Amino acid sequence: MGFCLFEEAGYPGTFLAANGNHIIDVTQIKRFDEGGVCALQFKAPLFQGSDMATMDVLGLADDIWALLNDCAKIGLNKSHLNLMNKLSARPMPLLVNEPDRIMLVRELQPDEFMSEDSSLLTASRLFFVDGKHRFISERPGVFVAQTNAGGQTPILKGSHS
């Protein structure tokens, strides 16, 4: 199972990479002439600190399910990421040997990661199946290209209302 790249509804122009293997439901929450907004539900809850996170993406439910089905044919490669360490502003290399443990990679807005720790210059957050999360310096598109075989990244960009 590979990762799919979706445009986040709350931050148009910002993307998240979702592992289709961990998505159990896609719920249409808004529909408009050019497209819609759907909520992704994962096998395990997503936490940001102590708060439960929900992920809303641009697109219609049928289009998202079709993309997830296509994505199932893409194999996973090992991915070398730059993990952000709170003790240092420099990224530390991390080799992800089992990308299947990762449910979601979400690109962060500058105001989001700056509020976590102003010394961190990070771009994304990894959400693991065990409920933990880590900051990485790559953006979701880079992560997807590294974990998908041959860089075959399925991307769904929604229309804006």
Protein backbone atom coordinates (compact mmCIF):
# COMPACT_ATOMS: atom_id res chain seq x y z
CA MET A 1 0.00 0.00 0.00
CA GLY A 2 1.32 3.39 -0.92
CA PHE A 3 0.65 6.90 0.26
CA CYS A 4 -1.77 9.33 -1.40
CA LEU A 5 -1.30 13.07 -1.42
CA PHE A 6 -4.38 15.18 -0.58
CA GLU A 7 -4.93 18.90 -0.33
CA GLU A 8 -6.03 19.83 3.17
CA ALA A 9 -9.43 21.55 3.28
CA GLY A 10 -8.57 23.82 6.20
CA TYR A 11 -5.40 25.11 4.53
CA PRO A 12 -5.75 25.15 0.71
CA GLY A 13 -2.33 24.79 -0.86
CA THR A 14 -1.17 22.61 2.05
CA PHE A 15 -0.92 18.86 1.59
CA LEU A 16 -1.00 15.69 3.62
CA ALA A 17 0.16 12.21 2.69
CA ALA A 18 -2.24 9.54 3.90
CA ASN A 19 -1.43 5.85 4.03
CA GLY A 20 -4.47 4.25 2.40
CA ASN A 21 -3.90 1.06 4.39
CA HIS A 22 -4.99 2.89 7.55
CA ILE A 23 -8.03 4.77 6.20
CA ILE A 24 -11.22 3.02 7.24
CA ASP A 25 -13.79 5.58 6.13
CA VAL A 26 -14.20 8.66 3.96
CA THR A 27 -17.19 10.84 4.84
CA GLN A 28 -18.51 13.59 2.57
CA ILE A 29 -19.04 16.60 4.84
CA LYS A 30 -19.50 19.36 2.25
CA ARG A 31 -20.33 19.40 -1.41
CA PHE A 32 -20.25 22.25 -3.89
CA ASP A 33 -20.40 22.57 -7.68
CA GLU A 34 -16.66 22.17 -8.30
CA GLY A 35 -15.98 19.48 -5.69
CA GLY A 36 -16.31 18.87 -1.99
CA VAL A 37 -14.71 18.27 1.38
CA CYS A 38 -14.33 14.85 3.02
CA ALA A 39 -13.25 13.73 6.46
CA LEU A 40 -10.72 10.89 6.59
CA GLN A 41 -11.10 8.38 9.41
CA PHE A 42 -8.05 6.33 10.37
CA LYS A 43 -7.71 2.98 12.15
CA ALA A 44 -6.10 4.69 15.15
CA PRO A 45 -6.91 8.18 16.47
CA LEU A 46 -4.66 11.08 15.50
CA PHE A 47 -3.48 13.18 18.41
CA GLN A 48 -1.77 16.57 18.33
CA GLY A 49 -0.53 16.87 21.88
CA SER A 50 -3.54 15.84 23.96
CA ASP A 51 -6.10 16.99 21.38
CA MET A 52 -7.72 14.62 18.92
CA ALA A 53 -7.12 15.71 15.33
CA THR A 54 -9.41 15.27 12.35
CA MET A 55 -8.26 15.46 8.76
CA ASP A 56 -10.53 17.09 6.19
CA VAL A 57 -9.39 17.00 2.57
CA LEU A 58 -10.61 18.56 -0.64
CA GLY A 59 -12.34 16.14 -3.01
CA LEU A 60 -15.43 14.00 -3.44
CA ALA A 61 -15.75 10.72 -1.56
CA ASP A 62 -15.95 8.64 -4.76
CA ASP A 63 -12.80 10.26 -6.14
CA ILE A 64 -10.95 9.67 -2.87
CA TRP A 65 -11.95 5.98 -2.75
CA ALA A 66 -10.87 5.57 -6.38
CA LEU A 67 -7.48 7.12 -5.60
CA LEU A 68 -7.05 4.90 -2.54
CA ASN A 69 -7.83 1.81 -4.63
CA ASP A 70 -5.26 2.83 -7.24
CA CYS A 71 -2.77 3.53 -4.49
CA ALA A 72 -3.12 -0.03 -3.18
CA LYS A 73 -1.07 -1.20 -6.16
CA ILE A 74 1.95 0.92 -5.26
CA GLY A 75 4.68 -0.71 -3.19
CA LEU A 76 6.62 0.94 -0.40
CA ASN A 77 10.31 1.72 -0.33
CA LYS A 78 12.42 2.55 2.67
CA SER A 79 12.49 6.24 3.35
CA HIS A 80 15.28 8.35 4.77
CA LEU A 81 13.82 11.33 6.61
CA ASN A 82 15.19 14.21 8.59
CA LEU A 83 13.76 13.94 12.09
CA MET A 84 13.61 17.12 14.11
CA ASN A 85 15.05 16.92 17.60
CA LYS A 86 13.91 19.42 20.22
CA LEU A 87 17.45 19.49 21.61
CA SER A 88 18.86 20.70 18.32
CA ALA A 89 17.60 22.88 15.50
CA ARG A 90 19.48 20.65 13.04
CA PRO A 91 17.61 17.74 11.42
CA MET A 92 18.82 14.27 12.36
CA PRO A 93 18.63 11.45 9.78
CA LEU A 94 16.04 8.72 10.34
CA LEU A 95 15.56 5.67 8.16
CA VAL A 96 11.97 4.53 8.17
CA ASN A 97 12.20 0.79 7.62
CA GLU A 98 8.48 0.15 8.03
CA PRO A 99 6.49 2.99 6.46
CA ASP A 100 3.32 0.98 7.16
CA ARG A 101 3.59 2.15 10.79
CA ILE A 102 2.90 5.69 9.55
CA MET A 103 -0.73 6.69 9.05
CA LEU A 104 -0.29 10.27 7.97
CA VAL A 105 2.29 12.90 7.12
CA ARG A 106 0.84 16.37 7.45
CA GLU A 107 2.45 19.53 6.15
CA LEU A 108 2.41 22.22 8.82
CA GLN A 109 1.75 25.91 8.44
CA PRO A 110 4.59 28.10 9.79
CA ASP A 111 2.42 29.44 12.62
CA GLU A 112 1.66 25.85 13.69
CA PHE A 113 5.19 24.57 14.06
CA MET A 114 6.54 27.87 15.37
CA SER A 115 4.07 27.66 18.25
CA GLU A 116 5.48 24.23 19.17
CA ASP A 117 9.05 25.41 19.56
CA SER A 118 10.43 28.47 17.82
CA SER A 119 13.84 26.82 17.44
CA LEU A 120 12.45 24.13 15.16
CA LEU A 121 12.42 24.77 11.45
CA THR A 122 10.19 21.87 10.49
CA ALA A 123 7.74 21.36 7.67
CA SER A 124 5.72 18.24 8.52
CA ARG A 125 4.52 15.95 11.25
CA LEU A 126 4.40 12.13 11.12
CA PHE A 127 1.46 10.38 12.81
CA PHE A 128 2.23 6.78 13.79
CA VAL A 129 -0.20 3.90 14.33
CA ASP A 130 0.78 3.69 18.01
CA GLY A 131 -0.51 7.23 18.58
CA LYS A 132 2.89 8.93 18.66
CA HIS A 133 3.92 11.76 16.38
CA ARG A 134 7.25 13.16 15.26
CA PHE A 135 8.32 16.28 13.42
CA ILE A 136 10.24 15.90 10.16
CA SER A 137 11.85 18.51 7.96
CA GLU A 138 10.51 17.13 4.67
CA ARG A 139 7.16 18.09 3.25
CA PRO A 140 4.54 15.39 2.49
CA GLY A 141 5.29 15.42 -1.25
CA VAL A 142 8.95 14.62 -0.55
CA PHE A 143 7.97 11.87 1.87
CA VAL A 144 5.54 10.32 -0.61
CA ALA A 145 8.09 10.39 -3.41
CA GLN A 146 10.60 8.62 -1.14
CA THR A 147 8.22 5.92 0.10
CA ASN A 148 6.34 5.17 -3.12
CA ALA A 149 8.02 2.82 -5.56
CA GLY A 150 9.41 4.81 -8.46
CA GLY A 151 8.01 8.05 -7.06
CA GLN A 152 4.54 7.23 -8.45
CA THR A 153 2.67 9.59 -6.18
CA PRO A 154 -1.15 9.58 -6.47
CA ILE A 155 -2.32 13.15 -5.91
CA LEU A 156 -5.86 14.47 -5.42
CA LYS A 157 -6.25 18.23 -5.58
CA GLY A 158 -9.69 19.59 -4.87
CA SER A 159 -11.51 22.58 -6.23
CA HIS A 160 -11.93 25.62 -4.02
CA SER A 161 -15.28 27.18 -3.31
